[in-house]
């Protein structure tokens, strides 16, 4: 979360992804860093025990949200 927020502050669009068990921590971090509305993606936990195929499938389900955040971020900066 920290790195994503810092990269955004440098003008680099990011799509931060966390698993649901870290959602409360992520919310606290965004508030602590002064961006309580920072948008991030919440994936199901766990990730480390997934097979390569399961990981690929999980990534494919997250892709629309990644694209929405990145394209929306780029479009907002262009205005």
PDB file of N, CA and C in Angstrom:
ATOM      1  N   UNK A   1       0.826  -1.173   0.000  1.00  0.00           N
ATOM      2  CA  UNK A   1       0.000   0.000   0.000  1.00  0.00           C
ATOM      3  C   UNK A   1       0.880   1.251   0.000  1.00  0.00           C
ATOM      4  N   UNK A   2       1.858   1.258   0.879  1.00  0.00           N
ATOM      5  CA  UNK A   2       2.768   2.398   0.973  1.00  0.00           C
ATOM      6  C   UNK A   2       3.406   2.702  -0.375  1.00  0.00           C
ATOM      7  N   UNK A   3       3.957   1.674  -1.027  1.00  0.00           N
ATOM      8  CA  UNK A   3       4.642   1.892  -2.304  1.00  0.00           C
ATOM      9  C   UNK A   3       3.685   2.404  -3.373  1.00  0.00           C
ATOM     10  N   UNK A   4       2.484   1.845  -3.433  1.00  0.00           N
ATOM     11  CA  UNK A   4       1.494   2.295  -4.408  1.00  0.00           C
ATOM     12  C   UNK A   4       1.147   3.759  -4.215  1.00  0.00           C
ATOM     13  N   UNK A   5       0.941   4.157  -2.977  1.00  0.00           N
ATOM     14  CA  UNK A   5       0.608   5.553  -2.677  1.00  0.00           C
ATOM     15  C   UNK A   5       1.777   6.463  -3.045  1.00  0.00           C
ATOM     16  N   UNK A   6       2.983   6.066  -2.690  1.00  0.00           N
ATOM     17  CA  UNK A   6       4.158   6.884  -3.018  1.00  0.00           C
ATOM     18  C   UNK A   6       4.358   6.993  -4.531  1.00  0.00           C
ATOM     19  N   UNK A   7       4.135   5.911  -5.256  1.00  0.00           N
ATOM     20  CA  UNK A   7       4.260   5.966  -6.718  1.00  0.00           C
ATOM     21  C   UNK A   7       3.213   6.897  -7.315  1.00  0.00           C
ATOM     22  N   UNK A   8       1.986   6.845  -6.795  1.00  0.00           N
ATOM     23  CA  UNK A   8       0.939   7.763  -7.268  1.00  0.00           C
ATOM     24  C   UNK A   8       1.356   9.208  -7.015  1.00  0.00           C
ATOM     25  N   UNK A   9       1.952   9.463  -5.881  1.00  0.00           N
ATOM     26  CA  UNK A   9       2.406  10.823  -5.562  1.00  0.00           C
ATOM     27  C   UNK A   9       3.482  11.299  -6.531  1.00  0.00           C
ATOM     28  N   UNK A  10       4.213  10.348  -7.109  1.00  0.00           N
ATOM     29  CA  UNK A  10       5.231  10.678  -8.112  1.00  0.00           C
ATOM     30  C   UNK A  10       4.646  10.760  -9.518  1.00  0.00           C
ATOM     31  N   UNK A  11       3.337  10.551  -9.631  1.00  0.00           N
ATOM     32  CA  UNK A  11       2.679  10.636 -10.928  1.00  0.00           C
ATOM     33  C   UNK A  11       2.616   9.330 -11.691  1.00  0.00           C
ATOM     34  N   UNK A  12       2.945   8.214 -11.040  1.00  0.00           N
ATOM     35  CA  UNK A  12       2.905   6.906 -11.692  1.00  0.00           C
ATOM     36  C   UNK A  12       1.629   6.171 -11.291  1.00  0.00           C
ATOM     37  N   UNK A  13       0.711   5.962 -12.218  1.00  0.00           N
ATOM     38  CA  UNK A  13      -0.528   5.253 -11.875  1.00  0.00           C
ATOM     39  C   UNK A  13      -0.230   3.844 -11.359  1.00  0.00           C
ATOM     40  N   UNK A  14      -0.930   3.455 -10.324  1.00  0.00           N
ATOM     41  CA  UNK A  14      -0.747   2.126  -9.742  1.00  0.00           C
ATOM     42  C   UNK A  14      -2.089   1.446  -9.522  1.00  0.00           C
ATOM     43  N   UNK A  15      -2.036   0.140  -9.444  1.00  0.00           N
ATOM     44  CA  UNK A  15      -3.197  -0.665  -9.064  1.00  0.00           C
ATOM     45  C   UNK A  15      -2.713  -1.618  -7.974  1.00  0.00           C
ATOM     46  N   UNK A  16      -2.814  -1.191  -6.735  1.00  0.00           N
ATOM     47  CA  UNK A  16      -2.358  -2.005  -5.613  1.00  0.00           C
ATOM     48  C   UNK A  16      -3.338  -3.142  -5.367  1.00  0.00           C
ATOM     49  N   UNK A  17      -2.794  -4.330  -5.112  1.00  0.00           N
ATOM     50  CA  UNK A  17      -3.616  -5.513  -4.867  1.00  0.00           C
ATOM     51  C   UNK A  17      -3.226  -6.103  -3.517  1.00  0.00           C
ATOM     52  N   UNK A  18      -4.234  -6.354  -2.688  1.00  0.00           N
ATOM     53  CA  UNK A  18      -4.027  -7.008  -1.400  1.00  0.00           C
ATOM     54  C   UNK A  18      -4.980  -8.193  -1.320  1.00  0.00           C
ATOM     55  N   UNK A  19      -4.754  -9.066  -0.341  1.00  0.00           N
ATOM     56  CA  UNK A  19      -5.749 -10.112  -0.097  1.00  0.00           C
ATOM     57  C   UNK A  19      -6.655  -9.654   1.039  1.00  0.00           C
ATOM     58  N   UNK A  20      -7.833 -10.241   1.092  1.00  0.00           N
ATOM     59  CA  UNK A  20      -8.863  -9.752   2.008  1.00  0.00           C
ATOM     60  C   UNK A  20      -8.443  -9.768   3.481  1.00  0.00           C
ATOM     61  N   UNK A  21      -7.529 -10.635   3.871  1.00  0.00           N
ATOM     62  CA  UNK A  21      -7.118 -10.652   5.279  1.00  0.00           C
ATOM     63  C   UNK A  21      -6.335  -9.394   5.666  1.00  0.00           C
ATOM     64  N   UNK A  22      -5.853  -8.644   4.692  1.00  0.00           N
ATOM     65  CA  UNK A  22      -5.099  -7.419   4.963  1.00  0.00           C
ATOM     66  C   UNK A  22      -5.919  -6.150   4.720  1.00  0.00           C
ATOM     67  N   UNK A  23      -7.221  -6.283   4.515  1.00  0.00           N
ATOM     68  CA  UNK A  23      -8.046  -5.127   4.187  1.00  0.00           C
ATOM     69  C   UNK A  23      -8.054  -4.079   5.306  1.00  0.00           C
ATOM     70  N   UNK A  24      -8.195  -4.494   6.554  1.00  0.00           N
ATOM     71  CA  UNK A  24      -8.191  -3.524   7.655  1.00  0.00           C
ATOM     72  C   UNK A  24      -6.853  -2.798   7.745  1.00  0.00           C
ATOM     73  N   UNK A  25      -5.771  -3.518   7.544  1.00  0.00           N
ATOM     74  CA  UNK A  25      -4.441  -2.907   7.559  1.00  0.00           C
ATOM     75  C   UNK A  25      -4.296  -1.917   6.410  1.00  0.00           C
ATOM     76  N   UNK A  26      -4.792  -2.286   5.241  1.00  0.00           N
ATOM     77  CA  UNK A  26      -4.718  -1.396   4.077  1.00  0.00           C
ATOM     78  C   UNK A  26      -5.517  -0.122   4.319  1.00  0.00           C
ATOM     79  N   UNK A  27      -6.708  -0.257   4.876  1.00  0.00           N
ATOM     80  CA  UNK A  27      -7.519   0.933   5.180  1.00  0.00           C
ATOM     81  C   UNK A  27      -6.795   1.845   6.162  1.00  0.00           C
ATOM     82  N   UNK A  28      -6.191   1.253   7.187  1.00  0.00           N
ATOM     83  CA  UNK A  28      -5.449   2.051   8.167  1.00  0.00           C
ATOM     84  C   UNK A  28      -4.268   2.760   7.508  1.00  0.00           C
ATOM     85  N   UNK A  29      -3.571   2.071   6.621  1.00  0.00           N
ATOM     86  CA  UNK A  29      -2.412   2.658   5.940  1.00  0.00           C
ATOM     87  C   UNK A  29      -2.835   3.835   5.065  1.00  0.00           C
ATOM     88  N   UNK A  30      -3.935   3.697   4.334  1.00  0.00           N
ATOM     89  CA  UNK A  30      -4.367   4.805   3.478  1.00  0.00           C
ATOM     90  C   UNK A  30      -4.739   6.024   4.317  1.00  0.00           C
ATOM     91  N   UNK A  31      -5.390   5.798   5.450  1.00  0.00           N
ATOM     92  CA  UNK A  31      -5.728   6.922   6.338  1.00  0.00           C
ATOM     93  C   UNK A  31      -4.459   7.546   6.915  1.00  0.00           C
ATOM     94  N   UNK A  32      -3.534   6.702   7.370  1.00  0.00           N
ATOM     95  CA  UNK A  32      -2.292   7.186   7.971  1.00  0.00           C
ATOM     96  C   UNK A  32      -1.476   8.017   6.977  1.00  0.00           C
ATOM     97  N   UNK A  33      -1.546   7.634   5.695  1.00  0.00           N
ATOM     98  CA  UNK A  33      -0.776   8.347   4.676  1.00  0.00           C
ATOM     99  C   UNK A  33      -1.540   9.530   4.082  1.00  0.00           C
ATOM    100  N   UNK A  34      -2.733   9.796   4.618  1.00  0.00           N
ATOM    101  CA  UNK A  34      -3.482  10.974   4.205  1.00  0.00           C
ATOM    102  C   UNK A  34      -4.291  10.824   2.937  1.00  0.00           C
ATOM    103  N   UNK A  35      -4.514   9.587   2.488  1.00  0.00           N
ATOM    104  CA  UNK A  35      -5.321   9.351   1.287  1.00  0.00           C
ATOM    105  C   UNK A  35      -6.375   8.270   1.570  1.00  0.00           C
ATOM    106  N   UNK A  36      -7.336   8.589   2.435  1.00  0.00           N
ATOM    107  CA  UNK A  36      -8.316   7.571   2.830  1.00  0.00           C
ATOM    108  C   UNK A  36      -9.151   7.038   1.672  1.00  0.00           C
ATOM    109  N   UNK A  37      -9.213   7.763   0.568  1.00  0.00           N
ATOM    110  CA  UNK A  37      -9.987   7.310  -0.592  1.00  0.00           C
ATOM    111  C   UNK A  37      -9.125   6.596  -1.632  1.00  0.00           C
ATOM    112  N   UNK A  38      -7.870   6.299  -1.298  1.00  0.00           N
ATOM    113  CA  UNK A  38      -6.993   5.584  -2.228  1.00  0.00           C
ATOM    114  C   UNK A  38      -7.647   4.255  -2.587  1.00  0.00           C
ATOM    115  N   UNK A  39      -7.795   4.027  -3.866  1.00  0.00           N
ATOM    116  CA  UNK A  39      -8.487   2.831  -4.342  1.00  0.00           C
ATOM    117  C   UNK A  39      -7.502   1.691  -4.571  1.00  0.00           C
ATOM    118  N   UNK A  40      -7.854   0.516  -4.070  1.00  0.00           N
ATOM    119  CA  UNK A  40      -7.032  -0.677  -4.255  1.00  0.00           C
ATOM    120  C   UNK A  40      -7.938  -1.873  -4.500  1.00  0.00           C
ATOM    121  N   UNK A  41      -7.331  -2.965  -4.899  1.00  0.00           N
ATOM    122  CA  UNK A  41      -8.070  -4.172  -5.269  1.00  0.00           C
ATOM    123  C   UNK A  41      -7.895  -5.212  -4.172  1.00  0.00           C
ATOM    124  N   UNK A  42      -9.005  -5.850  -3.803  1.00  0.00           N
ATOM    125  CA  UNK A  42      -8.974  -6.877  -2.767  1.00  0.00           C
ATOM    126  C   UNK A  42      -9.202  -8.237  -3.416  1.00  0.00           C
ATOM    127  N   UNK A  43      -8.216  -9.114  -3.268  1.00  0.00           N
ATOM    128  CA  UNK A  43      -8.293 -10.471  -3.815  1.00  0.00           C
ATOM    129  C   UNK A  43      -8.562 -11.456  -2.679  1.00  0.00           C
ATOM    130  N   UNK A  44      -9.006 -12.630  -3.047  1.00  0.00           N
ATOM    131  CA  UNK A  44      -9.203 -13.686  -2.058  1.00  0.00           C
ATOM    132  C   UNK A  44      -7.847 -14.183  -1.559  1.00  0.00           C
ATOM    133  N   UNK A  45      -7.826 -14.588  -0.324  1.00  0.00           N
ATOM    134  CA  UNK A  45      -6.630 -15.137   0.318  1.00  0.00           C
ATOM    135  C   UNK A  45      -6.778 -16.653   0.348  1.00  0.00           C
ATOM    136  N   UNK A  46      -5.757 -17.415   0.221  1.00  0.00           N
ATOM    137  CA  UNK A  46      -4.345 -17.073   0.069  1.00  0.00           C
ATOM    138  C   UNK A  46      -3.938 -17.039  -1.395  1.00  0.00           C
ATOM    139  N   UNK A  47      -2.749 -16.557  -1.630  1.00  0.00           N
ATOM    140  CA  UNK A  47      -2.158 -16.580  -2.969  1.00  0.00           C
ATOM    141  C   UNK A  47      -0.972 -17.535  -3.043  1.00  0.00           C
ATOM    142  N   UNK A  48      -0.217 -17.625  -1.973  1.00  0.00           N
ATOM    143  CA  UNK A  48       1.045 -18.376  -2.008  1.00  0.00           C
ATOM    144  C   UNK A  48       0.875 -19.869  -2.258  1.00  0.00           C
ATOM    145  N   UNK A  49      -0.289 -20.420  -1.955  1.00  0.00           N
ATOM    146  CA  UNK A  49      -0.483 -21.862  -2.143  1.00  0.00           C
ATOM    147  C   UNK A  49      -1.141 -22.211  -3.476  1.00  0.00           C
ATOM    148  N   UNK A  50      -1.390 -21.211  -4.311  1.00  0.00           N
ATOM    149  CA  UNK A  50      -2.026 -21.468  -5.603  1.00  0.00           C
ATOM    150  C   UNK A  50      -1.039 -22.108  -6.577  1.00  0.00           C
ATOM    151  N   UNK A  51      -1.566 -22.956  -7.439  1.00  0.00           N
ATOM    152  CA  UNK A  51      -0.751 -23.478  -8.536  1.00  0.00           C
ATOM    153  C   UNK A  51      -0.568 -22.363  -9.561  1.00  0.00           C
ATOM    154  N   UNK A  52       0.322 -22.567 -10.508  1.00  0.00           N
ATOM    155  CA  UNK A  52       0.512 -21.565 -11.560  1.00  0.00           C
ATOM    156  C   UNK A  52      -0.798 -21.294 -12.289  1.00  0.00           C
ATOM    157  N   UNK A  53      -1.540 -22.341 -12.604  1.00  0.00           N
ATOM    158  CA  UNK A  53      -2.809 -22.180 -13.317  1.00  0.00           C
ATOM    159  C   UNK A  53      -3.821 -21.419 -12.465  1.00  0.00           C
ATOM    160  N   UNK A  54      -3.917 -21.734 -11.194  1.00  0.00           N
ATOM    161  CA  UNK A  54      -4.839 -21.028 -10.306  1.00  0.00           C
ATOM    162  C   UNK A  54      -4.439 -19.562 -10.165  1.00  0.00           C
ATOM    163  N   UNK A  55      -3.159 -19.306 -10.121  1.00  0.00           N
ATOM    164  CA  UNK A  55      -2.670 -17.932 -10.032  1.00  0.00           C
ATOM    165  C   UNK A  55      -3.036 -17.153 -11.296  1.00  0.00           C
ATOM    166  N   UNK A  56      -2.872 -17.788 -12.439  1.00  0.00           N
ATOM    167  CA  UNK A  56      -3.240 -17.170 -13.717  1.00  0.00           C
ATOM    168  C   UNK A  56      -4.742 -16.867 -13.748  1.00  0.00           C
ATOM    169  N   UNK A  57      -5.556 -17.818 -13.293  1.00  0.00           N
ATOM    170  CA  UNK A  57      -7.007 -17.609 -13.251  1.00  0.00           C
ATOM    171  C   UNK A  57      -7.368 -16.457 -12.321  1.00  0.00           C
ATOM    172  N   UNK A  58      -6.713 -16.397 -11.171  1.00  0.00           N
ATOM    173  CA  UNK A  58      -6.973 -15.313 -10.217  1.00  0.00           C
ATOM    174  C   UNK A  58      -6.610 -13.974 -10.843  1.00  0.00           C
ATOM    175  N   UNK A  59      -5.475 -13.920 -11.517  1.00  0.00           N
ATOM    176  CA  UNK A  59      -5.048 -12.682 -12.175  1.00  0.00           C
ATOM    177  C   UNK A  59      -6.058 -12.252 -13.230  1.00  0.00           C
ATOM    178  N   UNK A  60      -6.578 -13.201 -13.981  1.00  0.00           N
ATOM    179  CA  UNK A  60      -7.569 -12.873 -15.010  1.00  0.00           C
ATOM    180  C   UNK A  60      -8.838 -12.298 -14.400  1.00  0.00           C
ATOM    181  N   UNK A  61      -9.234 -12.772 -13.224  1.00  0.00           N
ATOM    182  CA  UNK A  61     -10.439 -12.223 -12.592  1.00  0.00           C
ATOM    183  C   UNK A  61     -10.196 -10.812 -12.068  1.00  0.00           C
ATOM    184  N   UNK A  62      -8.946 -10.496 -11.731  1.00  0.00           N
ATOM    185  CA  UNK A  62      -8.616  -9.167 -11.211  1.00  0.00           C
ATOM    186  C   UNK A  62      -8.335  -8.149 -12.308  1.00  0.00           C
ATOM    187  N   UNK A  63      -8.036  -8.614 -13.496  1.00  0.00           N
ATOM    188  CA  UNK A  63      -7.632  -7.727 -14.588  1.00  0.00           C
ATOM    189  C   UNK A  63      -8.618  -6.595 -14.882  1.00  0.00           C
ATOM    190  N   UNK A  64      -9.932  -6.842 -14.930  1.00  0.00           N
ATOM    191  CA  UNK A  64     -10.843  -5.720 -15.196  1.00  0.00           C
ATOM    192  C   UNK A  64     -10.726  -4.592 -14.166  1.00  0.00           C
ATOM    193  N   UNK A  65     -10.526  -4.937 -12.898  1.00  0.00           N
ATOM    194  CA  UNK A  65     -10.362  -3.907 -11.873  1.00  0.00           C
ATOM    195  C   UNK A  65      -9.034  -3.177 -12.034  1.00  0.00           C
ATOM    196  N   UNK A  66      -7.989  -3.904 -12.366  1.00  0.00           N
ATOM    197  CA  UNK A  66      -6.685  -3.281 -12.611  1.00  0.00           C
ATOM    198  C   UNK A  66      -6.807  -2.288 -13.763  1.00  0.00           C
ATOM    199  N   UNK A  67      -7.420  -2.716 -14.847  1.00  0.00           N
ATOM    200  CA  UNK A  67      -7.587  -1.829 -16.007  1.00  0.00           C
ATOM    201  C   UNK A  67      -8.431  -0.614 -15.656  1.00  0.00           C
ATOM    202  N   UNK A  68      -9.518  -0.818 -14.919  1.00  0.00           N
ATOM    203  CA  UNK A  68     -10.393   0.298 -14.548  1.00  0.00           C
ATOM    204  C   UNK A  68      -9.629   1.330 -13.722  1.00  0.00           C
ATOM    205  N   UNK A  69      -8.864   0.859 -12.753  1.00  0.00           N
ATOM    206  CA  UNK A  69      -8.111   1.787 -11.905  1.00  0.00           C
ATOM    207  C   UNK A  69      -7.027   2.501 -12.708  1.00  0.00           C
ATOM    208  N   UNK A  70      -6.265   1.767 -13.508  1.00  0.00           N
ATOM    209  CA  UNK A  70      -5.174   2.388 -14.266  1.00  0.00           C
ATOM    210  C   UNK A  70      -5.680   3.324 -15.350  1.00  0.00           C
ATOM    211  N   UNK A  71      -6.674   2.910 -16.095  1.00  0.00           N
ATOM    212  CA  UNK A  71      -7.207   3.763 -17.162  1.00  0.00           C
ATOM    213  C   UNK A  71      -7.921   4.966 -16.562  1.00  0.00           C
ATOM    214  N   UNK A  72      -8.661   4.742 -15.495  1.00  0.00           N
ATOM    215  CA  UNK A  72      -9.338   5.851 -14.825  1.00  0.00           C
ATOM    216  C   UNK A  72      -8.343   6.841 -14.259  1.00  0.00           C
ATOM    217  N   UNK A  73      -7.252   6.337 -13.701  1.00  0.00           N
ATOM    218  CA  UNK A  73      -6.213   7.188 -13.140  1.00  0.00           C
ATOM    219  C   UNK A  73      -5.538   8.006 -14.234  1.00  0.00           C
ATOM    220  N   UNK A  74      -5.225   7.367 -15.347  1.00  0.00           N
ATOM    221  CA  UNK A  74      -4.577   8.066 -16.462  1.00  0.00           C
ATOM    222  C   UNK A  74      -5.518   9.105 -17.064  1.00  0.00           C
ATOM    223  N   UNK A  75      -6.792   8.761 -17.188  1.00  0.00           N
ATOM    224  CA  UNK A  75      -7.764   9.695 -17.761  1.00  0.00           C
ATOM    225  C   UNK A  75      -7.938  10.915 -16.861  1.00  0.00           C
ATOM    226  N   UNK A  76      -7.956  10.700 -15.550  1.00  0.00           N
ATOM    227  CA  UNK A  76      -8.112  11.812 -14.616  1.00  0.00           C
ATOM    228  C   UNK A  76      -6.912  12.747 -14.676  1.00  0.00           C
ATOM    229  N   UNK A  77      -5.716  12.208 -14.828  1.00  0.00           N
ATOM    230  CA  UNK A  77      -4.510  13.036 -14.903  1.00  0.00           C
ATOM    231  C   UNK A  77      -4.455  13.830 -16.212  1.00  0.00           C
ATOM    232  N   UNK A  78      -5.084  13.308 -17.268  1.00  0.00           N
ATOM    233  CA  UNK A  78      -5.068  13.978 -18.569  1.00  0.00           C
ATOM    234  C   UNK A  78      -5.995  15.189 -18.596  1.00  0.00           C
ATOM    235  N   UNK A  79      -6.978  15.222 -17.702  1.00  0.00           N
ATOM    236  CA  UNK A  79      -7.948  16.342 -17.691  1.00  0.00           C
ATOM    237  C   UNK A  79      -7.372  17.622 -17.187  1.00  0.00           C
TER     238      UNK A  79
END
